Amino acid sequence: MTTIAQRWRPGDRREKIESMIRVDQAGEYGATRIYAGQLAILGDRGPHAPEIAGMAQQEERHRAYFDRLIVQRGVRPTLLQPFWNVAGFALGAVTAAIGPEAAMACTAAVETEIDKHYEDQLADLGDADLELSAHVREFQAEELEHKEAALAAGAEQAPAYPVLSAAIRAGCRAAIALSKRI
């Protein structure tokens, strides 16, 4: 049985796919940290806590998949993982401290960027890696569910929602760009 790594040849898309796996693992890890920060402030019985806990479980499953893929394919994880640990938790805690709607605004903003990121990846992948594409498509659908749940829970009612959302989305774009390379 040949592995995907054995089928790759010089000049194909291996480096780009490794970058995708690296950034996706970092992103899913960051998402688990955001939800951990939110739950640390809101508690398990706070507003939206059941929804946040459910989203956190899905993100943990996504992260576990990319953790396995990193090992199986020998992909170097991002060196920024310790930073994403702290930054993700802090983002979650700060938005939850502002209020439950701000926590939901954080989710809506992050998932907006992740949806675009996954869509771009699927276009880049084409049929080059069907296993990865299938998981990205599945995870993208779940991320969109998170976004819709956050909007339904009042994300747009957060204080200074347009500014908060824009800042978080810009931070996500920067995290994606950095994690692809570092």
C-alpha atoms as a PDB file:
ATOM      1  CA  MET A   1       0.000   0.000   0.000  1.00  0.00           C
ATOM      2  CA  THR A   2       1.443   3.356  -0.966  1.00  0.00           C
ATOM      3  CA  THR A   3       0.905   6.455   1.092  1.00  0.00           C
ATOM      4  CA  ILE A   4       0.162   9.897  -0.215  1.00  0.00           C
ATOM      5  CA  ALA A   5       3.729  10.899   0.686  1.00  0.00           C
ATOM      6  CA  GLN A   6       5.096   8.093  -1.502  1.00  0.00           C
ATOM      7  CA  ARG A   7       2.958   9.144  -4.486  1.00  0.00           C
ATOM      8  CA  TRP A   8       4.179  12.740  -4.411  1.00  0.00           C
ATOM      9  CA  ARG A   9       6.779  13.649  -7.003  1.00  0.00           C
ATOM     10  CA  PRO A  10       9.050  16.680  -7.323  1.00  0.00           C
ATOM     11  CA  GLY A  11       7.163  19.646  -8.667  1.00  0.00           C
ATOM     12  CA  ASP A  12       3.782  18.603  -7.332  1.00  0.00           C
ATOM     13  CA  ARG A  13       1.768  20.261  -4.576  1.00  0.00           C
ATOM     14  CA  ARG A  14       3.290  18.651  -1.464  1.00  0.00           C
ATOM     15  CA  GLU A  15       4.666  21.867   0.028  1.00  0.00           C
ATOM     16  CA  LYS A  16       1.372  23.719  -0.430  1.00  0.00           C
ATOM     17  CA  ILE A  17      -0.624  20.847   1.070  1.00  0.00           C
ATOM     18  CA  GLU A  18       1.754  20.655   4.041  1.00  0.00           C
ATOM     19  CA  SER A  19       1.210  24.377   4.580  1.00  0.00           C
ATOM     20  CA  MET A  20      -2.554  23.798   4.502  1.00  0.00           C
ATOM     21  CA  ILE A  21      -2.320  21.055   7.098  1.00  0.00           C
ATOM     22  CA  ARG A  22      -0.046  23.170   9.311  1.00  0.00           C
ATOM     23  CA  VAL A  23      -2.342  26.208   9.250  1.00  0.00           C
ATOM     24  CA  ASP A  24      -5.498  24.148   9.679  1.00  0.00           C
ATOM     25  CA  GLN A  25      -4.094  22.376  12.739  1.00  0.00           C
ATOM     26  CA  ALA A  26      -3.029  25.735  14.193  1.00  0.00           C
ATOM     27  CA  GLY A  27      -6.439  27.241  13.481  1.00  0.00           C
ATOM     28  CA  GLU A  28      -8.369  24.407  15.049  1.00  0.00           C
ATOM     29  CA  TYR A  29      -6.057  24.528  18.062  1.00  0.00           C
ATOM     30  CA  GLY A  30      -6.634  28.274  18.342  1.00  0.00           C
ATOM     31  CA  ALA A  31     -10.394  27.726  18.161  1.00  0.00           C
ATOM     32  CA  THR A  32     -10.268  25.261  21.066  1.00  0.00           C
ATOM     33  CA  ARG A  33      -8.374  27.879  23.066  1.00  0.00           C
ATOM     34  CA  ILE A  34     -10.887  30.636  22.217  1.00  0.00           C
ATOM     35  CA  TYR A  35     -13.752  28.505  23.470  1.00  0.00           C
ATOM     36  CA  ALA A  36     -11.774  27.528  26.577  1.00  0.00           C
ATOM     37  CA  GLY A  37     -11.290  31.229  27.339  1.00  0.00           C
ATOM     38  CA  GLN A  38     -14.963  31.968  26.810  1.00  0.00           C
ATOM     39  CA  LEU A  39     -16.082  29.099  29.043  1.00  0.00           C
ATOM     40  CA  ALA A  40     -13.580  30.124  31.736  1.00  0.00           C
ATOM     41  CA  ILE A  41     -15.375  33.479  31.992  1.00  0.00           C
ATOM     42  CA  LEU A  42     -18.968  32.487  31.240  1.00  0.00           C
ATOM     43  CA  GLY A  43     -18.894  29.229  33.172  1.00  0.00           C
ATOM     44  CA  ASP A  44     -20.731  26.101  32.181  1.00  0.00           C
ATOM     45  CA  ARG A  45     -24.140  27.594  32.980  1.00  0.00           C
ATOM     46  CA  GLY A  46     -23.624  31.086  31.591  1.00  0.00           C
ATOM     47  CA  PRO A  47     -25.424  32.542  28.605  1.00  0.00           C
ATOM     48  CA  HIS A  48     -24.726  30.462  25.499  1.00  0.00           C
ATOM     49  CA  ALA A  49     -22.468  28.052  27.472  1.00  0.00           C
ATOM     50  CA  PRO A  50     -24.150  24.915  26.072  1.00  0.00           C
ATOM     51  CA  GLU A  51     -23.724  26.202  22.502  1.00  0.00           C
ATOM     52  CA  ILE A  52     -20.109  27.172  23.148  1.00  0.00           C
ATOM     53  CA  ALA A  53     -19.360  23.795  24.735  1.00  0.00           C
ATOM     54  CA  GLY A  54     -20.848  22.013  21.719  1.00  0.00           C
ATOM     55  CA  MET A  55     -18.818  24.123  19.312  1.00  0.00           C
ATOM     56  CA  ALA A  56     -15.700  23.454  21.398  1.00  0.00           C
ATOM     57  CA  GLN A  57     -16.260  19.695  21.093  1.00  0.00           C
ATOM     58  CA  GLN A  58     -16.473  19.946  17.319  1.00  0.00           C
ATOM     59  CA  GLU A  59     -13.318  22.079  17.195  1.00  0.00           C
ATOM     60  CA  GLU A  60     -11.531  19.515  19.350  1.00  0.00           C
ATOM     61  CA  ARG A  61     -12.505  16.794  16.873  1.00  0.00           C
ATOM     62  CA  HIS A  62     -11.221  18.939  13.985  1.00  0.00           C
ATOM     63  CA  ARG A  63      -7.959  19.578  15.849  1.00  0.00           C
ATOM     64  CA  ALA A  64      -7.501  15.881  16.611  1.00  0.00           C
ATOM     65  CA  TYR A  65      -7.854  15.069  12.905  1.00  0.00           C
ATOM     66  CA  PHE A  66      -5.183  17.598  11.929  1.00  0.00           C
ATOM     67  CA  ASP A  67      -2.944  16.445  14.801  1.00  0.00           C
ATOM     68  CA  ARG A  68      -3.090  12.914  13.369  1.00  0.00           C
ATOM     69  CA  LEU A  69      -2.498  14.178   9.828  1.00  0.00           C
ATOM     70  CA  ILE A  70       0.586  16.134  10.927  1.00  0.00           C
ATOM     71  CA  VAL A  71       2.072  12.962  12.396  1.00  0.00           C
ATOM     72  CA  GLN A  72       1.029  10.662   9.544  1.00  0.00           C
ATOM     73  CA  ARG A  73       2.396  12.951   6.849  1.00  0.00           C
ATOM     74  CA  GLY A  74       5.409  14.266   8.726  1.00  0.00           C
ATOM     75  CA  VAL A  75       4.295  17.901   8.531  1.00  0.00           C
ATOM     76  CA  ARG A  76       6.116  20.404  10.725  1.00  0.00           C
ATOM     77  CA  PRO A  77       3.608  22.128  13.011  1.00  0.00           C
ATOM     78  CA  THR A  78       3.697  25.883  13.364  1.00  0.00           C
ATOM     79  CA  LEU A  79       6.313  27.274  15.708  1.00  0.00           C
ATOM     80  CA  LEU A  80       3.692  29.793  16.844  1.00  0.00           C
ATOM     81  CA  GLN A  81       1.642  27.195  18.771  1.00  0.00           C
ATOM     82  CA  PRO A  82       2.611  28.599  22.207  1.00  0.00           C
ATOM     83  CA  PHE A  83       1.530  32.058  21.053  1.00  0.00           C
ATOM     84  CA  TRP A  84      -1.809  30.759  19.684  1.00  0.00           C
ATOM     85  CA  ASN A  85      -2.361  29.002  23.016  1.00  0.00           C
ATOM     86  CA  VAL A  86      -2.203  32.285  24.919  1.00  0.00           C
ATOM     87  CA  ALA A  87      -3.706  34.524  22.221  1.00  0.00           C
ATOM     88  CA  GLY A  88      -6.672  32.221  21.610  1.00  0.00           C
ATOM     89  CA  PHE A  89      -7.491  31.881  25.298  1.00  0.00           C
ATOM     90  CA  ALA A  90      -7.106  35.634  25.822  1.00  0.00           C
ATOM     91  CA  LEU A  91      -9.361  36.459  22.865  1.00  0.00           C
ATOM     92  CA  GLY A  92     -12.025  34.123  24.188  1.00  0.00           C
ATOM     93  CA  ALA A  93     -11.762  35.417  27.749  1.00  0.00           C
ATOM     94  CA  VAL A  94     -11.773  39.094  26.781  1.00  0.00           C
ATOM     95  CA  THR A  95     -14.749  38.792  24.461  1.00  0.00           C
ATOM     96  CA  ALA A  96     -16.675  36.805  27.085  1.00  0.00           C
ATOM     97  CA  ALA A  97     -15.795  39.410  29.726  1.00  0.00           C
ATOM     98  CA  ILE A  98     -17.306  42.095  27.480  1.00  0.00           C
ATOM     99  CA  GLY A  99     -20.482  40.023  27.437  1.00  0.00           C
ATOM    100  CA  PRO A 100     -22.169  36.972  25.948  1.00  0.00           C
ATOM    101  CA  GLU A 101     -22.996  38.790  22.726  1.00  0.00           C
ATOM    102  CA  ALA A 102     -19.330  39.766  22.298  1.00  0.00           C
ATOM    103  CA  ALA A 103     -18.363  36.107  22.753  1.00  0.00           C
ATOM    104  CA  MET A 104     -20.808  35.264  19.978  1.00  0.00           C
ATOM    105  CA  ALA A 105     -19.441  38.134  17.864  1.00  0.00           C
ATOM    106  CA  CYS A 106     -15.994  36.580  18.233  1.00  0.00           C
ATOM    107  CA  THR A 107     -17.314  33.252  16.969  1.00  0.00           C
ATOM    108  CA  ALA A 108     -19.125  34.863  14.045  1.00  0.00           C
ATOM    109  CA  ALA A 109     -16.020  36.830  13.032  1.00  0.00           C
ATOM    110  CA  VAL A 110     -13.638  33.875  13.318  1.00  0.00           C
ATOM    111  CA  GLU A 111     -15.959  31.544  11.428  1.00  0.00           C
ATOM    112  CA  THR A 112     -16.460  34.104   8.653  1.00  0.00           C
ATOM    113  CA  GLU A 113     -12.719  34.061   8.000  1.00  0.00           C
ATOM    114  CA  ILE A 114     -12.426  30.289   8.397  1.00  0.00           C
ATOM    115  CA  ASP A 115     -15.205  29.734   5.875  1.00  0.00           C
ATOM    116  CA  LYS A 116     -13.331  31.857   3.334  1.00  0.00           C
ATOM    117  CA  HIS A 117     -10.033  30.179   4.226  1.00  0.00           C
ATOM    118  CA  TYR A 118     -11.489  26.680   3.765  1.00  0.00           C
ATOM    119  CA  GLU A 119     -13.192  27.709   0.517  1.00  0.00           C
ATOM    120  CA  ASP A 120      -9.855  28.955  -0.839  1.00  0.00           C
ATOM    121  CA  GLN A 121      -8.192  25.707   0.226  1.00  0.00           C
ATOM    122  CA  LEU A 122     -10.807  23.580  -1.500  1.00  0.00           C
ATOM    123  CA  ALA A 123     -10.292  25.549  -4.721  1.00  0.00           C
ATOM    124  CA  ASP A 124      -6.512  25.129  -4.434  1.00  0.00           C
ATOM    125  CA  LEU A 125      -6.741  21.425  -3.638  1.00  0.00           C
ATOM    126  CA  GLY A 126      -8.969  20.457  -6.520  1.00  0.00           C
ATOM    127  CA  ASP A 127      -8.593  16.689  -6.736  1.00  0.00           C
ATOM    128  CA  ALA A 128      -4.979  16.657  -5.481  1.00  0.00           C
ATOM    129  CA  ASP A 129      -5.887  15.256  -2.041  1.00  0.00           C
ATOM    130  CA  LEU A 130      -9.389  13.830  -1.815  1.00  0.00           C
ATOM    131  CA  GLU A 131      -9.075  12.788   1.837  1.00  0.00           C
ATOM    132  CA  LEU A 132      -8.052  16.265   2.961  1.00  0.00           C
ATOM    133  CA  SER A 133     -10.706  17.887   0.759  1.00  0.00           C
ATOM    134  CA  ALA A 134     -13.450  15.730   2.253  1.00  0.00           C
ATOM    135  CA  HIS A 135     -12.467  16.660   5.806  1.00  0.00           C
ATOM    136  CA  VAL A 136     -12.071  20.344   4.988  1.00  0.00           C
ATOM    137  CA  ARG A 137     -15.527  20.350   3.386  1.00  0.00           C
ATOM    138  CA  GLU A 138     -17.033  18.611   6.440  1.00  0.00           C
ATOM    139  CA  PHE A 139     -15.319  20.979   8.877  1.00  0.00           C
ATOM    140  CA  GLN A 140     -16.282  24.009   6.792  1.00  0.00           C
ATOM    141  CA  ALA A 141     -19.953  23.028   7.077  1.00  0.00           C
ATOM    142  CA  GLU A 142     -19.626  22.769  10.856  1.00  0.00           C
ATOM    143  CA  GLU A 143     -17.842  26.134  11.039  1.00  0.00           C
ATOM    144  CA  LEU A 144     -20.723  27.705   9.115  1.00  0.00           C
ATOM    145  CA  GLU A 145     -23.140  26.184  11.629  1.00  0.00           C
ATOM    146  CA  HIS A 146     -21.114  27.861  14.399  1.00  0.00           C
ATOM    147  CA  LYS A 147     -21.337  31.204  12.603  1.00  0.00           C
ATOM    148  CA  GLU A 148     -25.094  30.910  12.115  1.00  0.00           C
ATOM    149  CA  ALA A 149     -25.584  29.873  15.747  1.00  0.00           C
ATOM    150  CA  ALA A 150     -23.522  32.855  16.908  1.00  0.00           C
ATOM    151  CA  LEU A 151     -25.534  35.260  14.775  1.00  0.00           C
ATOM    152  CA  ALA A 152     -28.794  33.741  16.044  1.00  0.00           C
ATOM    153  CA  ALA A 153     -27.517  34.150  19.626  1.00  0.00           C
ATOM    154  CA  GLY A 154     -27.097  37.904  19.213  1.00  0.00           C
ATOM    155  CA  ALA A 155     -23.542  38.388  17.912  1.00  0.00           C
ATOM    156  CA  GLU A 156     -24.544  41.544  16.063  1.00  0.00           C
ATOM    157  CA  GLN A 157     -25.879  43.029  19.330  1.00  0.00           C
ATOM    158  CA  ALA A 158     -22.371  43.116  20.846  1.00  0.00           C
ATOM    159  CA  PRO A 159     -20.996  46.525  21.797  1.00  0.00           C
ATOM    160  CA  ALA A 160     -19.177  48.087  18.827  1.00  0.00           C
ATOM    161  CA  TYR A 161     -19.911  44.978  16.758  1.00  0.00           C
ATOM    162  CA  PRO A 162     -18.545  46.302  13.436  1.00  0.00           C
ATOM    163  CA  VAL A 163     -15.228  47.321  15.024  1.00  0.00           C
ATOM    164  CA  LEU A 164     -14.950  44.168  17.139  1.00  0.00           C
ATOM    165  CA  SER A 165     -15.742  41.935  14.177  1.00  0.00           C
ATOM    166  CA  ALA A 166     -13.328  43.731  11.853  1.00  0.00           C
ATOM    167  CA  ALA A 167     -10.488  43.539  14.390  1.00  0.00           C
ATOM    168  CA  ILE A 168     -11.017  39.828  15.031  1.00  0.00           C
ATOM    169  CA  ARG A 169     -11.277  39.057  11.325  1.00  0.00           C
ATOM    170  CA  ALA A 170      -8.031  40.951  10.643  1.00  0.00           C
ATOM    171  CA  GLY A 171      -6.348  39.006  13.438  1.00  0.00           C
ATOM    172  CA  CYS A 172      -7.550  35.732  11.914  1.00  0.00           C
ATOM    173  CA  ARG A 173      -6.180  36.657   8.512  1.00  0.00           C
ATOM    174  CA  ALA A 174      -2.819  37.509  10.088  1.00  0.00           C
ATOM    175  CA  ALA A 175      -2.778  34.248  12.066  1.00  0.00           C
ATOM    176  CA  ILE A 176      -3.495  32.258   8.914  1.00  0.00           C
ATOM    177  CA  ALA A 177      -0.740  33.982   6.959  1.00  0.00           C
ATOM    178  CA  LEU A 178       1.811  33.535   9.746  1.00  0.00           C
ATOM    179  CA  SER A 179       0.956  29.908  10.505  1.00  0.00           C
ATOM    180  CA  LYS A 180       1.338  28.889   6.863  1.00  0.00           C
ATOM    181  CA  ARG A 181       5.032  29.764   6.987  1.00  0.00           C
ATOM    182  CA  ILE A 182       6.272  29.850  10.557  1.00  0.00           C
END
